[in-house]
Amino acid sequence: MIKTLKYQLLTGWHLARWIRLVLGLALLVQAIAASDVLVGAFAILLLGQAFMNTGCCGPSGCSVSETKQHTKDTTGPIK
């Protein structure tokens, strides 16, 4: 379990993950300075997404498949 957690934290750092991390840290500093709970909660959300490598839809939940699927139109022409 520790190996998988370490692997997940140390690999797969792409641009979106770095942006979430930097934005989360900046918002966390701002939330502490302003004593704002709502901004702090949003910062924790972004930091959690950065550390767990997830987005709003989960890991690769909104990605487009790389293979093309050809479907046959069986409805025929509309008259």
PDB file of N, CA and C in Angstrom:
ATOM      1  N   MET A   1       0.824  -1.196   0.000  1.00  0.00           N
ATOM      2  CA  MET A   1       0.000   0.000   0.000  1.00  0.00           C
ATOM      3  C   MET A   1       0.866   1.257   0.000  1.00  0.00           C
ATOM      4  N   ILE A   2       1.927   1.235   0.773  1.00  0.00           N
ATOM      5  CA  ILE A   2       2.833   2.389   0.821  1.00  0.00           C
ATOM      6  C   ILE A   2       3.515   2.578  -0.531  1.00  0.00           C
ATOM      7  N   LYS A   3       3.861   1.473  -1.194  1.00  0.00           N
ATOM      8  CA  LYS A   3       4.515   1.584  -2.498  1.00  0.00           C
ATOM      9  C   LYS A   3       3.582   2.203  -3.535  1.00  0.00           C
ATOM     10  N   THR A   4       2.310   1.822  -3.520  1.00  0.00           N
ATOM     11  CA  THR A   4       1.385   2.389  -4.499  1.00  0.00           C
ATOM     12  C   THR A   4       1.118   3.863  -4.212  1.00  0.00           C
ATOM     13  N   LEU A   5       1.046   4.227  -2.940  1.00  0.00           N
ATOM     14  CA  LEU A   5       0.859   5.635  -2.594  1.00  0.00           C
ATOM     15  C   LEU A   5       2.076   6.459  -3.007  1.00  0.00           C
ATOM     16  N   LYS A   6       3.258   5.925  -2.749  1.00  0.00           N
ATOM     17  CA  LYS A   6       4.487   6.610  -3.145  1.00  0.00           C
ATOM     18  C   LYS A   6       4.573   6.733  -4.667  1.00  0.00           C
ATOM     19  N   TYR A   7       4.198   5.663  -5.373  1.00  0.00           N
ATOM     20  CA  TYR A   7       4.217   5.695  -6.833  1.00  0.00           C
ATOM     21  C   TYR A   7       3.236   6.734  -7.364  1.00  0.00           C
ATOM     22  N   GLN A   8       2.050   6.791  -6.772  1.00  0.00           N
ATOM     23  CA  GLN A   8       1.032   7.744  -7.227  1.00  0.00           C
ATOM     24  C   GLN A   8       1.461   9.182  -6.968  1.00  0.00           C
ATOM     25  N   LEU A   9       2.131   9.434  -5.864  1.00  0.00           N
ATOM     26  CA  LEU A   9       2.569  10.791  -5.548  1.00  0.00           C
ATOM     27  C   LEU A   9       3.757  11.244  -6.390  1.00  0.00           C
ATOM     28  N   LEU A  10       4.625  10.321  -6.751  1.00  0.00           N
ATOM     29  CA  LEU A  10       5.872  10.708  -7.408  1.00  0.00           C
ATOM     30  C   LEU A  10       5.858  10.601  -8.929  1.00  0.00           C
ATOM     31  N   THR A  11       4.824  10.021  -9.522  1.00  0.00           N
ATOM     32  CA  THR A  11       4.790   9.877 -10.976  1.00  0.00           C
ATOM     33  C   THR A  11       3.570  10.576 -11.564  1.00  0.00           C
ATOM     34  N   GLY A  12       3.630  10.853 -12.844  1.00  0.00           N
ATOM     35  CA  GLY A  12       2.490  11.412 -13.564  1.00  0.00           C
ATOM     36  C   GLY A  12       2.277  12.895 -13.343  1.00  0.00           C
ATOM     37  N   TRP A  13       3.323  13.650 -13.112  1.00  0.00           N
ATOM     38  CA  TRP A  13       3.173  15.094 -12.890  1.00  0.00           C
ATOM     39  C   TRP A  13       3.140  15.806 -14.226  1.00  0.00           C
ATOM     40  N   HIS A  14       1.936  16.127 -14.698  1.00  0.00           N
ATOM     41  CA  HIS A  14       1.741  16.856 -15.941  1.00  0.00           C
ATOM     42  C   HIS A  14       1.363  18.301 -15.614  1.00  0.00           C
ATOM     43  N   LEU A  15       1.143  19.101 -16.639  1.00  0.00           N
ATOM     44  CA  LEU A  15       0.923  20.531 -16.463  1.00  0.00           C
ATOM     45  C   LEU A  15      -0.300  20.832 -15.596  1.00  0.00           C
ATOM     46  N   ALA A  16      -1.391  20.138 -15.825  1.00  0.00           N
ATOM     47  CA  ALA A  16      -2.612  20.404 -15.048  1.00  0.00           C
ATOM     48  C   ALA A  16      -2.396  20.088 -13.569  1.00  0.00           C
ATOM     49  N   ARG A  17      -1.642  19.061 -13.282  1.00  0.00           N
ATOM     50  CA  ARG A  17      -1.372  18.699 -11.885  1.00  0.00           C
ATOM     51  C   ARG A  17      -0.511  19.764 -11.207  1.00  0.00           C
ATOM     52  N   TRP A  18       0.462  20.294 -11.920  1.00  0.00           N
ATOM     53  CA  TRP A  18       1.298  21.365 -11.357  1.00  0.00           C
ATOM     54  C   TRP A  18       0.474  22.634 -11.123  1.00  0.00           C
ATOM     55  N   ILE A  19      -0.413  22.935 -12.047  1.00  0.00           N
ATOM     56  CA  ILE A  19      -1.256  24.130 -11.886  1.00  0.00           C
ATOM     57  C   ILE A  19      -2.143  23.983 -10.657  1.00  0.00           C
ATOM     58  N   ARG A  20      -2.740  22.799 -10.468  1.00  0.00           N
ATOM     59  CA  ARG A  20      -3.568  22.574  -9.274  1.00  0.00           C
ATOM     60  C   ARG A  20      -2.750  22.726  -7.999  1.00  0.00           C
ATOM     61  N   LEU A  21      -1.526  22.224  -8.009  1.00  0.00           N
ATOM     62  CA  LEU A  21      -0.670  22.308  -6.825  1.00  0.00           C
ATOM     63  C   LEU A  21      -0.322  23.756  -6.502  1.00  0.00           C
ATOM     64  N   VAL A  22       0.126  24.509  -7.484  1.00  0.00           N
ATOM     65  CA  VAL A  22       0.526  25.899  -7.260  1.00  0.00           C
ATOM     66  C   VAL A  22      -0.674  26.754  -6.856  1.00  0.00           C
ATOM     67  N   LEU A  23      -1.791  26.588  -7.549  1.00  0.00           N
ATOM     68  CA  LEU A  23      -2.985  27.350  -7.222  1.00  0.00           C
ATOM     69  C   LEU A  23      -3.518  26.982  -5.837  1.00  0.00           C
ATOM     70  N   GLY A  24      -3.472  25.703  -5.503  1.00  0.00           N
ATOM     71  CA  GLY A  24      -3.910  25.264  -4.182  1.00  0.00           C
ATOM     72  C   GLY A  24      -3.049  25.841  -3.071  1.00  0.00           C
ATOM     73  N   LEU A  25      -1.737  25.850  -3.277  1.00  0.00           N
ATOM     74  CA  LEU A  25      -0.835  26.430  -2.270  1.00  0.00           C
ATOM     75  C   LEU A  25      -1.056  27.937  -2.124  1.00  0.00           C
ATOM     76  N   ALA A  26      -1.217  28.624  -3.255  1.00  0.00           N
ATOM     77  CA  ALA A  26      -1.448  30.068  -3.199  1.00  0.00           C
ATOM     78  C   ALA A  26      -2.767  30.383  -2.494  1.00  0.00           C
ATOM     79  N   LEU A  27      -3.806  29.623  -2.791  1.00  0.00           N
ATOM     80  CA  LEU A  27      -5.091  29.849  -2.128  1.00  0.00           C
ATOM     81  C   LEU A  27      -5.035  29.499  -0.646  1.00  0.00           C
ATOM     82  N   LEU A  28      -4.261  28.485  -0.286  1.00  0.00           N
ATOM     83  CA  LEU A  28      -4.123  28.120   1.124  1.00  0.00           C
ATOM     84  C   LEU A  28      -3.432  29.228   1.906  1.00  0.00           C
ATOM     85  N   VAL A  29      -2.385  29.818   1.341  1.00  0.00           N
ATOM     86  CA  VAL A  29      -1.702  30.938   1.991  1.00  0.00           C
ATOM     87  C   VAL A  29      -2.655  32.118   2.133  1.00  0.00           C
ATOM     88  N   GLN A  30      -3.410  32.408   1.084  1.00  0.00           N
ATOM     89  CA  GLN A  30      -4.375  33.507   1.125  1.00  0.00           C
ATOM     90  C   GLN A  30      -5.471  33.236   2.153  1.00  0.00           C
ATOM     91  N   ALA A  31      -5.938  31.999   2.237  1.00  0.00           N
ATOM     92  CA  ALA A  31      -6.989  31.658   3.200  1.00  0.00           C
ATOM     93  C   ALA A  31      -6.507  31.812   4.634  1.00  0.00           C
ATOM     94  N   ILE A  32      -5.264  31.437   4.885  1.00  0.00           N
ATOM     95  CA  ILE A  32      -4.711  31.591   6.240  1.00  0.00           C
ATOM     96  C   ILE A  32      -4.529  33.066   6.562  1.00  0.00           C
ATOM     97  N   ALA A  33      -4.026  33.839   5.606  1.00  0.00           N
ATOM     98  CA  ALA A  33      -3.801  35.271   5.846  1.00  0.00           C
ATOM     99  C   ALA A  33      -5.111  36.021   6.068  1.00  0.00           C
ATOM    100  N   ALA A  34      -6.170  35.639   5.343  1.00  0.00           N
ATOM    101  CA  ALA A  34      -7.438  36.351   5.439  1.00  0.00           C
ATOM    102  C   ALA A  34      -8.422  35.674   6.402  1.00  0.00           C
ATOM    103  N   SER A  35      -8.035  34.547   6.971  1.00  0.00           N
ATOM    104  CA  SER A  35      -8.910  33.753   7.848  1.00  0.00           C
ATOM    105  C   SER A  35     -10.235  33.433   7.158  1.00  0.00           C
ATOM    106  N   ASP A  36     -10.144  32.999   5.926  1.00  0.00           N
ATOM    107  CA  ASP A  36     -11.324  32.705   5.115  1.00  0.00           C
ATOM    108  C   ASP A  36     -11.471  31.189   4.978  1.00  0.00           C
ATOM    109  N   VAL A  37     -12.545  30.643   5.530  1.00  0.00           N
ATOM    110  CA  VAL A  37     -12.757  29.200   5.532  1.00  0.00           C
ATOM    111  C   VAL A  37     -13.139  28.689   4.144  1.00  0.00           C
ATOM    112  N   LEU A  38     -13.933  29.433   3.408  1.00  0.00           N
ATOM    113  CA  LEU A  38     -14.375  28.994   2.091  1.00  0.00           C
ATOM    114  C   LEU A  38     -13.204  28.876   1.112  1.00  0.00           C
ATOM    115  N   VAL A  39     -12.340  29.850   1.118  1.00  0.00           N
ATOM    116  CA  VAL A  39     -11.159  29.797   0.249  1.00  0.00           C
ATOM    117  C   VAL A  39     -10.237  28.656   0.696  1.00  0.00           C
ATOM    118  N   GLY A  40     -10.159  28.442   2.007  1.00  0.00           N
ATOM    119  CA  GLY A  40      -9.357  27.334   2.527  1.00  0.00           C
ATOM    120  C   GLY A  40      -9.888  25.984   2.089  1.00  0.00           C
ATOM    121  N   ALA A  41     -11.202  25.836   2.079  1.00  0.00           N
ATOM    122  CA  ALA A  41     -11.804  24.579   1.629  1.00  0.00           C
ATOM    123  C   ALA A  41     -11.522  24.345   0.148  1.00  0.00           C
ATOM    124  N   PHE A  42     -11.603  25.395  -0.662  1.00  0.00           N
ATOM    125  CA  PHE A  42     -11.303  25.273  -2.087  1.00  0.00           C
ATOM    126  C   PHE A  42      -9.818  24.937  -2.296  1.00  0.00           C
ATOM    127  N   ALA A  43      -8.951  25.523  -1.470  1.00  0.00           N
ATOM    128  CA  ALA A  43      -7.522  25.225  -1.559  1.00  0.00           C
ATOM    129  C   ALA A  43      -7.252  23.765  -1.225  1.00  0.00           C
ATOM    130  N   ILE A  44      -7.924  23.238  -0.201  1.00  0.00           N
ATOM    131  CA  ILE A  44      -7.753  21.839   0.171  1.00  0.00           C
ATOM    132  C   ILE A  44      -8.250  20.927  -0.950  1.00  0.00           C
ATOM    133  N   LEU A  45      -9.345  21.312  -1.600  1.00  0.00           N
ATOM    134  CA  LEU A  45      -9.858  20.543  -2.733  1.00  0.00           C
ATOM    135  C   LEU A  45      -8.824  20.482  -3.859  1.00  0.00           C
ATOM    136  N   LEU A  46      -8.250  21.623  -4.212  1.00  0.00           N
ATOM    137  CA  LEU A  46      -7.252  21.647  -5.290  1.00  0.00           C
ATOM    138  C   LEU A  46      -5.992  20.873  -4.909  1.00  0.00           C
ATOM    139  N   LEU A  47      -5.556  21.004  -3.663  1.00  0.00           N
ATOM    140  CA  LEU A  47      -4.378  20.263  -3.223  1.00  0.00           C
ATOM    141  C   LEU A  47      -4.642  18.761  -3.219  1.00  0.00           C
ATOM    142  N   GLY A  48      -5.833  18.370  -2.819  1.00  0.00           N
ATOM    143  CA  GLY A  48      -6.187  16.953  -2.855  1.00  0.00           C
ATOM    144  C   GLY A  48      -6.194  16.405  -4.265  1.00  0.00           C
ATOM    145  N   GLN A  49      -6.715  17.196  -5.200  1.00  0.00           N
ATOM    146  CA  GLN A  49      -6.716  16.768  -6.595  1.00  0.00           C
ATOM    147  C   GLN A  49      -5.290  16.658  -7.130  1.00  0.00           C
ATOM    148  N   ALA A  50      -4.432  17.569  -6.726  1.00  0.00           N
ATOM    149  CA  ALA A  50      -3.042  17.520  -7.202  1.00  0.00           C
ATOM    150  C   ALA A  50      -2.320  16.307  -6.639  1.00  0.00           C
ATOM    151  N   PHE A  51      -2.481  16.025  -5.350  1.00  0.00           N
ATOM    152  CA  PHE A  51      -1.767  14.908  -4.739  1.00  0.00           C
ATOM    153  C   PHE A  51      -2.313  13.557  -5.173  1.00  0.00           C
ATOM    154  N   MET A  52      -3.617  13.454  -5.387  1.00  0.00           N
ATOM    155  CA  MET A  52      -4.219  12.179  -5.775  1.00  0.00           C
ATOM    156  C   MET A  52      -4.306  11.997  -7.282  1.00  0.00           C
ATOM    157  N   ASN A  53      -3.879  13.008  -8.039  1.00  0.00           N
ATOM    158  CA  ASN A  53      -3.898  12.981  -9.507  1.00  0.00           C
ATOM    159  C   ASN A  53      -5.304  12.699 -10.030  1.00  0.00           C
ATOM    160  N   THR A  54      -6.260  13.443  -9.517  1.00  0.00           N
ATOM    161  CA  THR A  54      -7.633  13.321  -9.985  1.00  0.00           C
ATOM    162  C   THR A  54      -8.109  14.685 -10.448  1.00  0.00           C
ATOM    163  N   GLY A  55      -9.165  14.673 -11.214  1.00  0.00           N
ATOM    164  CA  GLY A  55      -9.816  15.901 -11.620  1.00  0.00           C
ATOM    165  C   GLY A  55     -11.241  15.867 -11.129  1.00  0.00           C
ATOM    166  N   CYS A  56     -12.064  16.662 -11.697  1.00  0.00           N
ATOM    167  CA  CYS A  56     -13.472  16.667 -11.286  1.00  0.00           C
ATOM    168  C   CYS A  56     -14.171  15.378 -11.674  1.00  0.00           C
ATOM    169  N   CYS A  57     -13.688  14.705 -12.700  1.00  0.00           N
ATOM    170  CA  CYS A  57     -14.332  13.471 -13.171  1.00  0.00           C
ATOM    171  C   CYS A  57     -13.551  12.226 -12.767  1.00  0.00           C
ATOM    172  N   GLY A  58     -12.535  12.356 -11.953  1.00  0.00           N
ATOM    173  CA  GLY A  58     -11.702  11.214 -11.606  1.00  0.00           C
ATOM    174  C   GLY A  58     -10.530  11.112 -12.564  1.00  0.00           C
ATOM    175  N   PRO A  59      -9.639  10.170 -12.339  1.00  0.00           N
ATOM    176  CA  PRO A  59      -8.471  10.047 -13.213  1.00  0.00           C
ATOM    177  C   PRO A  59      -8.875   9.638 -14.622  1.00  0.00           C
ATOM    178  N   SER A  60      -8.637  10.479 -15.566  1.00  0.00           N
ATOM    179  CA  SER A  60      -8.959  10.274 -16.985  1.00  0.00           C
ATOM    180  C   SER A  60     -10.443  10.027 -17.200  1.00  0.00           C
ATOM    181  N   GLY A  61     -11.272  10.589 -16.377  1.00  0.00           N
ATOM    182  CA  GLY A  61     -12.710  10.390 -16.498  1.00  0.00           C
ATOM    183  C   GLY A  61     -13.298  11.132 -17.678  1.00  0.00           C
ATOM    184  N   CYS A  62     -12.715  12.233 -18.057  1.00  0.00           N
ATOM    185  CA  CYS A  62     -13.245  13.032 -19.162  1.00  0.00           C
ATOM    186  C   CYS A  62     -12.393  12.912 -20.415  1.00  0.00           C
ATOM    187  N   SER A  63     -11.479  11.968 -20.436  1.00  0.00           N
ATOM    188  CA  SER A  63     -10.595  11.871 -21.589  1.00  0.00           C
ATOM    189  C   SER A  63     -11.335  11.257 -22.774  1.00  0.00           C
ATOM    190  N   VAL A  64     -10.841  11.563 -23.939  1.00  0.00           N
ATOM    191  CA  VAL A  64     -11.402  11.044 -25.172  1.00  0.00           C
ATOM    192  C   VAL A  64     -10.623   9.799 -25.549  1.00  0.00           C
ATOM    193  N   SER A  65     -11.307   8.762 -25.985  1.00  0.00           N
ATOM    194  CA  SER A  65     -10.611   7.528 -26.334  1.00  0.00           C
ATOM    195  C   SER A  65      -9.719   7.769 -27.549  1.00  0.00           C
ATOM    196  N   GLU A  66      -8.600   7.069 -27.576  1.00  0.00           N
ATOM    197  CA  GLU A  66      -7.634   7.261 -28.651  1.00  0.00           C
ATOM    198  C   GLU A  66      -7.984   6.457 -29.897  1.00  0.00           C
ATOM    199  N   THR A  67      -8.794   5.418 -29.757  1.00  0.00           N
ATOM    200  CA  THR A  67      -9.154   4.616 -30.908  1.00  0.00           C
ATOM    201  C   THR A  67     -10.457   5.127 -31.501  1.00  0.00           C
ATOM    202  N   LYS A  68     -10.540   5.057 -32.804  1.00  0.00           N
ATOM    203  CA  LYS A  68     -11.750   5.499 -33.487  1.00  0.00           C
ATOM    204  C   LYS A  68     -12.708   4.315 -33.565  1.00  0.00           C
ATOM    205  N   GLN A  69     -13.943   4.592 -33.200  1.00  0.00           N
ATOM    206  CA  GLN A  69     -14.957   3.558 -33.305  1.00  0.00           C
ATOM    207  C   GLN A  69     -15.911   3.950 -34.424  1.00  0.00           C
ATOM    208  N   HIS A  70     -16.036   3.076 -35.406  1.00  0.00           N
ATOM    209  CA  HIS A  70     -16.938   3.326 -36.523  1.00  0.00           C
ATOM    210  C   HIS A  70     -18.264   2.655 -36.216  1.00  0.00           C
ATOM    211  N   THR A  71     -19.318   3.418 -36.240  1.00  0.00           N
ATOM    212  CA  THR A  71     -20.632   2.837 -36.005  1.00  0.00           C
ATOM    213  C   THR A  71     -21.433   2.904 -37.292  1.00  0.00           C
ATOM    214  N   LYS A  72     -22.234   1.924 -37.503  1.00  0.00           N
ATOM    215  CA  LYS A  72     -23.043   1.857 -38.707  1.00  0.00           C
ATOM    216  C   LYS A  72     -24.389   2.502 -38.404  1.00  0.00           C
ATOM    217  N   ASP A  73     -24.818   3.413 -39.261  1.00  0.00           N
ATOM    218  CA  ASP A  73     -26.087   4.086 -39.097  1.00  0.00           C
ATOM    219  C   ASP A  73     -27.184   3.157 -39.610  1.00  0.00           C
ATOM    220  N   THR A  74     -28.011   2.666 -38.701  1.00  0.00           N
ATOM    221  CA  THR A  74     -29.057   1.718 -39.082  1.00  0.00           C
ATOM    222  C   THR A  74     -30.421   2.376 -39.183  1.00  0.00           C
ATOM    223  N   THR A  75     -30.492   3.667 -38.926  1.00  0.00           N
ATOM    224  CA  THR A  75     -31.806   4.331 -38.960  1.00  0.00           C
ATOM    225  C   THR A  75     -32.244   4.690 -40.355  1.00  0.00           C
ATOM    226  N   GLY A  76     -31.308   4.796 -41.261  1.00  0.00           N
ATOM    227  CA  GLY A  76     -31.646   5.156 -42.631  1.00  0.00           C
ATOM    228  C   GLY A  76     -31.878   6.651 -42.771  1.00  0.00           C
ATOM    229  N   PRO A  77     -32.166   7.105 -43.980  1.00  0.00           N
ATOM    230  CA  PRO A  77     -32.384   8.524 -44.191  1.00  0.00           C
ATOM    231  C   PRO A  77     -33.720   8.968 -43.586  1.00  0.00           C
ATOM    232  N   ILE A  78     -33.720  10.180 -43.076  1.00  0.00           N
ATOM    233  CA  ILE A  78     -34.930  10.748 -42.496  1.00  0.00           C
ATOM    234  C   ILE A  78     -35.734  11.414 -43.605  1.00  0.00           C
ATOM    235  N   LYS A  79     -37.006  11.079 -43.702  1.00  0.00           N
ATOM    236  CA  LYS A  79     -37.848  11.623 -44.782  1.00  0.00           C
ATOM    237  C   LYS A  79     -38.825  12.608 -44.234  1.00  0.00           C
TER     238      LYS A  79
END
